[in-house]
């Protein structure tokens, strides 16, 4: 391990040049070529080894410094490079970029994700690097990410700000210690991404890996989608610590709105966590509480009776309905991470409308029979109140579950038929 760079001996050996990896990075050149020789213009017929993409929205204060740093990185790696600016600016950003040799394209749809997707379609490099144009990311650190990305078992590399050096004023404390770590934890839990800084914008990905991703979002949640889809496809993501600097120009992020968009997108695309886990918890809690209530069990100062039976019934019904939503969502949509629990998969794949309706009618019949016995007993006894309220509540719960199953089966059948027709 090299103490100065923190790289492995193999990476340190290639630190000054990526020429040794020319067989994996098409267009890499040996020798001491200058930035002007390595930077490919729009009219060049040569295939660049690397495309660096920056989305820009009025970044005239930082764009020049970013481009200069990319040129410095290209010279260090001796790799032919194109700089692709996906621009939606109203200031001088595109003019400055063109004057410095960058290729400027203008997305036809607004949004962070749209800017990247538009540029991806026009990128020619064998490897694609992305980063913001506000000087927060030091593109002179790009070589270590590119070298790591050229390894055979790596599909994508990311710069980790949270494991690197965050300069004073570069990131609000709420983002550094709460927002980014929390969002990263969510993403790792839902998608097993195994990253330390899920929303770092400095990344390098192999073209073949990029083409496998199915990226659809147009807003800031694009940063999450890229990692989520890569993790769902079992791609290998590696990280290196980077330095994060204070930005030049006015910030365009809305912390809470953009943060919520990330969380919402992660949950919607992980129905197993959004629906199945809460459903199982509600049903389990409800069944246990109803069982204790039917037996009149006393645990310390708490006696389980009619009131807890009501709570158990409500919990069971809520859990059942949430579980039905898990099945509906897995059939009607194509989430990035499909539910993996056996119950959802069994119901989704094996349960037909007829089978579901039959099961619902059976439960409905059982519940009505239980209620009928209670009613008959009450009529014969002539009491003013129904006997065994807890048993009758159990019967009512079974009856409602039967009704819900019948109609849910018809709804599930409708969804399946509509999806086949589509």
Protein backbone atom coordinates (compact mmCIF):
# COMPACT_ATOMS: atom_id res chain seq x y z
CA UNK A 1 0.00 0.00 0.00
CA UNK A 2 1.36 3.42 -0.96
CA UNK A 3 1.36 5.68 2.15
CA UNK A 4 1.26 8.90 0.13
CA UNK A 5 -1.72 8.05 -2.04
CA UNK A 6 -3.60 5.45 -0.05
CA UNK A 7 -3.68 3.25 -3.19
CA UNK A 8 -2.75 -0.39 -3.42
CA UNK A 9 0.70 -1.18 -4.84
CA UNK A 10 -0.89 -2.13 -8.16
CA UNK A 11 -2.79 1.15 -8.39
CA UNK A 12 0.22 3.18 -7.27
CA UNK A 13 2.26 1.63 -10.04
CA UNK A 14 -0.12 3.04 -12.60
CA UNK A 15 -0.69 6.39 -10.89
CA UNK A 16 1.27 8.49 -13.37
CA UNK A 17 -0.16 6.92 -16.51
CA UNK A 18 -3.10 4.85 -17.62
CA UNK A 19 -1.14 3.74 -20.65
CA UNK A 20 -0.59 0.31 -19.10
CA UNK A 21 -4.32 -0.20 -19.33
CA UNK A 22 -4.59 0.83 -23.00
CA UNK A 23 -6.05 -2.54 -23.84
CA UNK A 24 -9.10 -1.75 -21.70
CA UNK A 25 -9.39 1.99 -22.35
CA UNK A 26 -9.61 2.45 -26.09
CA UNK A 27 -7.90 5.59 -27.23
CA UNK A 28 -5.35 5.76 -24.41
CA UNK A 29 -2.04 7.15 -25.66
CA UNK A 30 1.50 6.73 -24.44
CA UNK A 31 3.93 9.58 -24.16
CA UNK A 32 3.70 13.19 -23.00
CA UNK A 33 0.83 14.60 -24.98
CA UNK A 34 -0.53 18.01 -24.05
CA UNK A 35 -4.09 18.86 -23.05
CA UNK A 36 -4.79 20.32 -26.50
CA UNK A 37 -3.68 17.06 -28.12
CA UNK A 38 -5.70 14.87 -25.75
CA UNK A 39 -8.89 16.94 -25.75
CA UNK A 40 -11.16 15.83 -28.59
CA UNK A 41 -13.48 18.32 -30.26
CA UNK A 42 -16.97 17.66 -31.54
CA UNK A 43 -15.79 17.13 -35.12
CA UNK A 44 -13.15 14.55 -34.17
CA UNK A 45 -13.55 11.08 -35.64
CA UNK A 46 -11.44 9.51 -32.92
CA UNK A 47 -13.12 7.51 -30.16
CA UNK A 48 -12.16 9.04 -26.80
CA UNK A 49 -11.04 6.82 -23.96
CA UNK A 50 -12.99 8.99 -21.54
CA UNK A 51 -16.02 11.27 -21.70
CA UNK A 52 -16.52 13.70 -18.82
CA UNK A 53 -20.09 14.96 -18.49
CA UNK A 54 -21.15 18.00 -16.49
CA UNK A 55 -24.76 19.23 -16.29
CA UNK A 56 -24.82 23.01 -16.02
CA UNK A 57 -27.37 25.59 -14.96
CA UNK A 58 -25.77 29.04 -14.81
CA UNK A 59 -22.30 27.89 -13.70
CA UNK A 60 -20.22 30.63 -15.35
CA UNK A 61 -18.30 31.20 -12.10
CA UNK A 62 -17.01 27.65 -11.86
CA UNK A 63 -17.09 26.08 -15.31
CA UNK A 64 -13.65 27.29 -16.42
CA UNK A 65 -11.88 25.93 -13.35
CA UNK A 66 -13.61 22.57 -13.73
CA UNK A 67 -12.59 22.26 -17.38
CA UNK A 68 -8.98 23.16 -16.57
CA UNK A 69 -8.88 20.49 -13.88
CA UNK A 70 -10.30 17.90 -16.31
CA UNK A 71 -7.55 18.79 -18.78
CA UNK A 72 -4.95 18.35 -16.04
CA UNK A 73 -6.40 14.91 -15.25
CA UNK A 74 -6.33 13.94 -18.94
CA UNK A 75 -2.66 14.88 -19.19
CA UNK A 76 -1.83 12.86 -16.08
CA UNK A 77 -3.64 9.80 -17.46
CA UNK A 78 -2.55 10.43 -21.07
CA UNK A 79 -6.05 9.47 -22.20
CA UNK A 80 -7.93 11.08 -25.05
CA UNK A 81 -10.88 12.87 -23.49
CA UNK A 82 -14.01 14.70 -24.54
CA UNK A 83 -15.76 17.14 -22.20
CA UNK A 84 -19.51 17.14 -22.69
CA UNK A 85 -21.53 19.99 -21.16
CA UNK A 86 -25.27 19.34 -20.88
CA UNK A 87 -26.41 22.92 -20.53
CA UNK A 88 -29.63 24.71 -19.58
CA UNK A 89 -28.05 28.04 -18.67
CA UNK A 90 -29.08 31.61 -19.34
CA UNK A 91 -25.64 33.06 -18.50
CA UNK A 92 -22.25 32.71 -20.27
CA UNK A 93 -21.65 29.11 -19.20
CA UNK A 94 -21.97 27.54 -22.70
CA UNK A 95 -19.82 30.25 -24.33
CA UNK A 96 -17.02 29.75 -21.81
CA UNK A 97 -17.20 25.99 -22.20
CA UNK A 98 -17.00 26.11 -26.00
CA UNK A 99 -14.07 28.55 -25.89
CA UNK A 100 -12.18 26.05 -23.71
CA UNK A 101 -12.77 23.13 -26.07
CA UNK A 102 -15.80 21.47 -24.49
CA UNK A 103 -18.75 20.12 -26.46
CA UNK A 104 -22.02 21.77 -25.43
CA UNK A 105 -25.41 20.13 -25.89
CA UNK A 106 -28.79 21.45 -24.83
CA UNK A 107 -31.30 18.94 -23.36
CA UNK A 108 -34.82 19.23 -24.69
CA UNK A 109 -36.30 18.56 -21.21
CA UNK A 110 -35.32 20.28 -17.97
CA UNK A 111 -34.06 18.48 -14.88
CA UNK A 112 -30.86 17.03 -13.43
CA UNK A 113 -31.62 13.51 -14.62
CA UNK A 114 -32.72 14.68 -18.04
CA UNK A 115 -29.45 16.55 -18.51
CA UNK A 116 -27.43 13.42 -17.83
CA UNK A 117 -29.55 11.08 -19.93
CA UNK A 118 -29.40 13.47 -22.88
CA UNK A 119 -25.61 13.61 -22.59
CA UNK A 120 -25.25 9.83 -22.13
CA UNK A 121 -26.86 9.31 -25.53
CA UNK A 122 -24.20 11.53 -27.12
CA UNK A 123 -21.14 10.42 -25.15
CA UNK A 124 -18.53 8.56 -27.22
CA UNK A 125 -16.04 7.49 -24.55
CA UNK A 126 -15.38 3.93 -23.45
CA UNK A 127 -15.63 5.22 -19.89
CA UNK A 128 -18.03 7.92 -18.71
CA UNK A 129 -17.20 10.25 -15.82
CA UNK A 130 -19.76 12.60 -14.29
CA UNK A 131 -19.55 15.50 -11.86
CA UNK A 132 -20.93 18.92 -11.06
CA UNK A 133 -19.57 22.09 -12.63
CA UNK A 134 -19.60 24.21 -9.48
CA UNK A 135 -15.99 23.38 -8.35
CA UNK A 136 -17.21 21.27 -5.42
CA UNK A 137 -15.58 18.21 -7.02
CA UNK A 138 -11.89 18.36 -7.83
CA UNK A 139 -11.57 16.74 -11.25
CA UNK A 140 -7.82 16.42 -10.74
CA UNK A 141 -8.78 13.46 -8.51
CA UNK A 142 -10.46 11.80 -11.47
CA UNK A 143 -7.46 9.57 -12.42
CA UNK A 144 -7.77 7.38 -9.33
CA UNK A 145 -11.44 6.72 -10.08
CA UNK A 146 -10.74 6.02 -13.75
CA UNK A 147 -7.90 3.61 -12.92
CA UNK A 148 -10.14 1.78 -10.47
CA UNK A 149 -12.95 1.58 -13.04
CA UNK A 150 -10.64 -0.15 -15.55
CA UNK A 151 -10.27 -3.18 -13.29
CA UNK A 152 -12.01 -6.24 -14.71
CA UNK A 153 -14.26 -6.78 -11.69
CA UNK A 154 -15.41 -3.15 -11.29
CA UNK A 155 -18.40 -1.64 -13.10
CA UNK A 156 -18.67 1.77 -11.44
CA UNK A 157 -16.51 3.89 -9.18
CA UNK A 158 -17.54 6.75 -6.91
CA UNK A 159 -15.75 9.44 -4.97
CA UNK A 160 -16.74 9.33 -1.30
CA UNK A 161 -17.01 12.75 0.31
CA UNK A 162 -18.03 11.34 3.68
CA UNK A 163 -14.90 9.19 3.88
CA UNK A 164 -12.74 11.92 2.37
CA UNK A 165 -12.10 15.56 3.23
CA UNK A 166 -15.04 17.98 3.34
CA UNK A 167 -13.70 21.54 3.35
CA UNK A 168 -15.23 24.14 5.72
CA UNK A 169 -18.40 25.60 4.20
CA UNK A 170 -18.57 22.96 1.46
CA UNK A 171 -21.48 20.98 2.93
CA UNK A 172 -24.07 22.11 5.50
CA UNK A 173 -23.81 20.23 8.80
CA UNK A 174 -27.36 18.92 8.37
CA UNK A 175 -26.33 17.31 5.07
CA UNK A 176 -22.99 16.02 6.32
CA UNK A 177 -24.11 14.44 9.58
CA UNK A 178 -27.81 13.70 9.02
CA UNK A 179 -29.13 13.93 5.44
CA UNK A 180 -26.46 12.17 3.37
CA UNK A 181 -25.65 9.43 5.94
CA UNK A 182 -29.37 8.73 6.44
CA UNK A 183 -30.15 8.57 2.72
CA UNK A 184 -27.10 6.35 2.21
CA UNK A 185 -28.30 4.04 4.99
CA UNK A 186 -31.73 3.78 3.38
CA UNK A 187 -30.24 2.98 -0.01
CA UNK A 188 -27.86 0.36 1.39
CA UNK A 189 -30.69 -1.26 3.38
CA UNK A 190 -33.13 -1.37 0.48
CA UNK A 191 -30.70 -2.26 -2.32
CA UNK A 192 -27.52 -3.69 -0.73
CA UNK A 193 -25.44 -1.09 -2.57
CA UNK A 194 -22.63 -1.17 0.00
CA UNK A 195 -21.54 2.45 -0.51
CA UNK A 196 -20.52 5.10 2.01
CA UNK A 197 -21.75 8.18 0.13
CA UNK A 198 -24.69 7.31 -2.11
CA UNK A 199 -25.24 10.84 -3.33
CA UNK A 200 -21.76 11.75 -4.34
CA UNK A 201 -21.96 13.22 -7.84
CA UNK A 202 -18.44 12.25 -8.90
CA UNK A 203 -18.59 8.86 -10.62
CA UNK A 204 -16.98 6.83 -13.41
CA UNK A 205 -18.78 4.00 -15.17
CA UNK A 206 -17.84 1.68 -17.99
CA UNK A 207 -19.89 2.22 -21.13
CA UNK A 208 -21.11 -1.38 -21.24
CA UNK A 209 -22.33 -1.11 -17.64
CA UNK A 210 -24.03 2.20 -18.37
CA UNK A 211 -25.91 0.66 -21.29
CA UNK A 212 -27.28 -2.04 -18.97
CA UNK A 213 -28.86 0.52 -16.64
CA UNK A 214 -32.50 1.46 -17.17
CA UNK A 215 -32.50 5.09 -16.06
CA UNK A 216 -35.85 6.86 -16.25
CA UNK A 217 -36.03 9.70 -13.74
CA UNK A 218 -35.56 13.32 -14.78
CA UNK A 219 -34.92 15.06 -11.44
CA UNK A 220 -32.41 14.93 -8.60
CA UNK A 221 -33.48 11.38 -7.69
CA UNK A 222 -31.49 10.33 -10.77
CA UNK A 223 -28.44 10.12 -8.46
CA UNK A 224 -30.22 7.50 -6.35
CA UNK A 225 -31.66 5.64 -9.33
CA UNK A 226 -28.24 5.13 -10.86
CA UNK A 227 -26.94 3.38 -7.72
CA UNK A 228 -30.20 1.51 -7.06
CA UNK A 229 -30.35 0.05 -10.56
CA UNK A 230 -26.67 -0.86 -10.54
CA UNK A 231 -27.04 -2.63 -7.18
CA UNK A 232 -30.22 -4.41 -8.31
CA UNK A 233 -28.29 -5.71 -11.34
CA UNK A 234 -25.47 -6.94 -9.07
CA UNK A 235 -22.91 -4.55 -10.52
CA UNK A 236 -19.72 -3.94 -8.57
CA UNK A 237 -19.39 -0.42 -7.15
CA UNK A 238 -16.10 0.70 -5.63
CA UNK A 239 -15.24 3.97 -3.88
CA UNK A 240 -12.24 6.18 -3.19
CA UNK A 241 -12.10 9.11 -0.73
CA UNK A 242 -12.19 12.54 -2.39
CA UNK A 243 -12.01 16.16 -1.32
CA UNK A 244 -15.22 18.18 -1.40
CA UNK A 245 -14.85 21.94 -1.85
CA UNK A 246 -17.05 24.96 -1.35
CA UNK A 247 -19.04 25.73 -4.46
CA UNK A 248 -18.70 28.71 -6.77
CA UNK A 249 -21.96 30.45 -7.60
CA UNK A 250 -25.46 30.15 -6.19
CA UNK A 251 -26.75 26.78 -5.00
CA UNK A 252 -29.71 25.34 -6.92
CA UNK A 253 -30.69 22.54 -4.48
CA UNK A 254 -33.68 22.51 -2.15
CA UNK A 255 -32.47 20.37 0.77
CA UNK A 256 -35.80 19.10 2.08
CA UNK A 257 -37.64 18.83 -1.22
CA UNK A 258 -34.78 17.06 -2.99
CA UNK A 259 -34.16 14.85 0.06
CA UNK A 260 -37.80 13.79 0.13
CA UNK A 261 -37.71 13.04 -3.61
CA UNK A 262 -34.82 10.64 -3.00
CA UNK A 263 -36.60 8.90 -0.10
CA UNK A 264 -39.89 8.70 -1.99
CA UNK A 265 -38.22 7.23 -5.05
CA UNK A 266 -36.36 4.63 -2.99
CA UNK A 267 -39.52 3.52 -1.16
CA UNK A 268 -41.71 3.39 -4.27
CA UNK A 269 -39.12 1.19 -5.95
CA UNK A 270 -38.75 -1.12 -2.96
CA UNK A 271 -42.32 -2.35 -2.30
CA UNK A 272 -40.98 -5.09 -0.08
CA UNK A 273 -39.92 -2.47 2.45
CA UNK A 274 -42.76 -0.04 1.77
CA UNK A 275 -45.62 -2.57 1.96
CA UNK A 276 -44.63 -6.15 2.79
CA UNK A 277 -42.61 -5.59 5.96
CA UNK A 278 -45.20 -3.28 7.60
CA UNK A 279 -48.00 -5.65 6.51
CA UNK A 280 -46.33 -8.65 8.14
CA UNK A 281 -45.73 -6.64 11.32
CA UNK A 282 -49.36 -5.47 11.55
CA UNK A 283 -50.80 -8.95 10.90
CA UNK A 284 -48.45 -10.65 13.34
CA UNK A 285 -49.21 -8.11 16.04
CA UNK A 286 -52.95 -8.35 15.40
CA UNK A 287 -53.06 -12.16 15.50
CA UNK A 288 -51.03 -12.30 18.72
CA UNK A 289 -53.16 -9.66 20.44
CA UNK A 290 -56.41 -11.37 19.38
CA UNK A 291 -55.12 -14.73 20.62
CA UNK A 292 -54.23 -13.27 24.01
CA UNK A 293 -57.57 -11.49 24.15
CA UNK A 294 -59.58 -14.62 23.38
CA UNK A 295 -57.81 -16.39 26.24
CA UNK A 296 -58.26 -13.48 28.65
CA UNK A 297 -54.53 -13.57 29.40
CA UNK A 298 -53.15 -11.21 32.02
CA UNK A 299 -49.57 -9.96 31.70
CA UNK A 300 -48.65 -7.98 34.78
CA UNK A 301 -51.11 -5.13 35.19
CA UNK A 302 -52.49 -5.61 31.65
CA UNK A 303 -55.53 -7.82 31.09
CA UNK A 304 -56.32 -8.73 27.50
CA UNK A 305 -60.03 -8.48 26.84
CA UNK A 306 -62.57 -6.89 24.53
CA UNK A 307 -60.73 -3.59 24.02
CA UNK A 308 -57.46 -5.30 23.08
CA UNK A 309 -59.47 -7.66 20.84
CA UNK A 310 -60.70 -4.61 18.93
CA UNK A 311 -57.13 -3.34 18.59
CA UNK A 312 -55.94 -6.75 17.37
CA UNK A 313 -58.74 -6.94 14.83
CA UNK A 314 -57.96 -3.49 13.44
CA UNK A 315 -54.24 -4.30 13.25
CA UNK A 316 -54.94 -7.53 11.36
CA UNK A 317 -57.25 -5.83 8.88
CA UNK A 318 -54.81 -2.98 8.26
CA UNK A 319 -51.93 -5.41 7.76
CA UNK A 320 -53.97 -7.49 5.33
CA UNK A 321 -54.86 -4.41 3.28
CA UNK A 322 -51.26 -3.19 3.19
CA UNK A 323 -50.16 -6.68 2.11
CA UNK A 324 -52.69 -6.56 -0.72
CA UNK A 325 -51.16 -3.26 -1.83
CA UNK A 326 -47.74 -4.97 -1.93
CA UNK A 327 -49.11 -7.58 -4.33
CA UNK A 328 -50.95 -5.01 -6.46
CA UNK A 329 -47.82 -2.84 -6.77
CA UNK A 330 -45.57 -5.76 -7.70
CA UNK A 331 -47.97 -6.77 -10.49
CA UNK A 332 -48.88 -3.31 -11.79
CA UNK A 333 -45.38 -1.79 -11.76
CA UNK A 334 -41.79 -2.75 -12.50
CA UNK A 335 -39.92 -1.63 -9.38
CA UNK A 336 -36.14 -1.61 -9.38
CA UNK A 337 -36.08 -4.03 -6.43
CA UNK A 338 -38.83 -6.65 -6.65
CA UNK A 339 -40.33 -8.01 -3.39
CA UNK A 340 -38.47 -11.17 -2.43
CA UNK A 341 -40.70 -12.56 0.31
CA UNK A 342 -42.24 -15.95 -0.55
CA UNK A 343 -45.83 -14.96 0.28
CA UNK A 344 -45.93 -12.01 -2.14
CA UNK A 345 -44.26 -14.05 -4.87
CA UNK A 346 -46.59 -17.02 -4.35
CA UNK A 347 -49.75 -14.90 -4.44
CA UNK A 348 -48.55 -12.83 -7.40
CA UNK A 349 -47.47 -15.80 -9.50
CA UNK A 350 -49.91 -18.55 -8.53
CA UNK A 351 -53.13 -16.96 -7.29
CA UNK A 352 -55.78 -16.69 -9.97
CA UNK A 353 -58.99 -14.71 -9.73
CA UNK A 354 -60.99 -17.91 -9.27
CA UNK A 355 -58.75 -19.30 -6.51
CA UNK A 356 -58.66 -16.00 -4.67
CA UNK A 357 -62.41 -15.53 -4.90
CA UNK A 358 -62.98 -19.10 -3.69
CA UNK A 359 -60.72 -18.55 -0.68
CA UNK A 360 -62.47 -15.29 0.09
CA UNK A 361 -65.90 -16.89 -0.11
CA UNK A 362 -64.74 -19.70 2.18
CA UNK A 363 -63.54 -17.20 4.78
CA UNK A 364 -66.74 -15.20 4.35
CA UNK A 365 -68.81 -18.34 4.88
CA UNK A 366 -66.84 -19.33 7.98
CA UNK A 367 -67.26 -15.91 9.50
CA UNK A 368 -70.99 -15.81 8.79
CA UNK A 369 -71.45 -19.27 10.32
CA UNK A 370 -69.64 -18.18 13.48
CA UNK A 371 -71.76 -15.03 13.67
CA UNK A 372 -74.92 -17.08 13.08
CA UNK A 373 -74.15 -19.40 15.98
CA UNK A 374 -73.65 -16.42 18.25
CA UNK A 375 -76.87 -14.83 17.08
CA UNK A 376 -78.83 -18.07 17.53
CA UNK A 377 -77.39 -18.56 21.00
CA UNK A 378 -78.39 -15.03 21.88
CA UNK A 379 -81.93 -15.56 20.58
CA UNK A 380 -82.36 -18.79 22.54
CA UNK A 381 -80.88 -17.39 25.72
CA UNK A 382 -82.85 -14.18 25.53
CA UNK A 383 -80.04 -12.18 27.12
CA UNK A 384 -79.81 -8.47 26.62
CA UNK A 385 -76.29 -8.69 25.20
CA UNK A 386 -74.53 -10.95 22.75
CA UNK A 387 -72.56 -13.80 24.33
CA UNK A 388 -68.74 -13.92 24.05
CA UNK A 389 -68.12 -10.53 22.37
CA UNK A 390 -64.49 -11.44 21.64
CA UNK A 391 -65.51 -14.56 19.70
CA UNK A 392 -68.06 -12.58 17.75
CA UNK A 393 -65.45 -9.95 16.98
CA UNK A 394 -63.15 -12.69 15.70
CA UNK A 395 -65.99 -13.91 13.47
CA UNK A 396 -66.57 -10.38 12.18
CA UNK A 397 -62.85 -10.04 11.42
CA UNK A 398 -62.84 -13.30 9.44
CA UNK A 399 -65.94 -12.14 7.57
CA UNK A 400 -64.33 -8.84 6.60
CA UNK A 401 -61.15 -10.61 5.50
CA UNK A 402 -63.28 -12.83 3.27
CA UNK A 403 -65.01 -9.86 1.68
CA UNK A 404 -61.68 -8.07 1.14
CA UNK A 405 -60.17 -11.21 -0.42
CA UNK A 406 -63.02 -11.61 -2.90
CA UNK A 407 -62.82 -8.03 -4.18
CA UNK A 408 -59.00 -7.96 -4.04
CA UNK A 409 -58.93 -11.08 -6.23
CA UNK A 410 -61.08 -9.40 -8.84
CA UNK A 411 -58.91 -6.29 -8.71
CA UNK A 412 -55.73 -8.35 -9.02
CA UNK A 413 -57.20 -10.17 -12.00
CA UNK A 414 -58.04 -6.84 -13.63
CA UNK A 415 -54.48 -5.61 -13.16
CA UNK A 416 -52.96 -8.78 -14.58
CA UNK A 417 -55.24 -8.66 -17.63
CA UNK A 418 -54.47 -4.98 -18.24
CA UNK A 419 -50.73 -5.60 -17.99
CA UNK A 420 -50.90 -8.52 -20.44
CA UNK A 421 -52.88 -6.39 -22.86
CA UNK A 422 -50.38 -3.57 -22.53
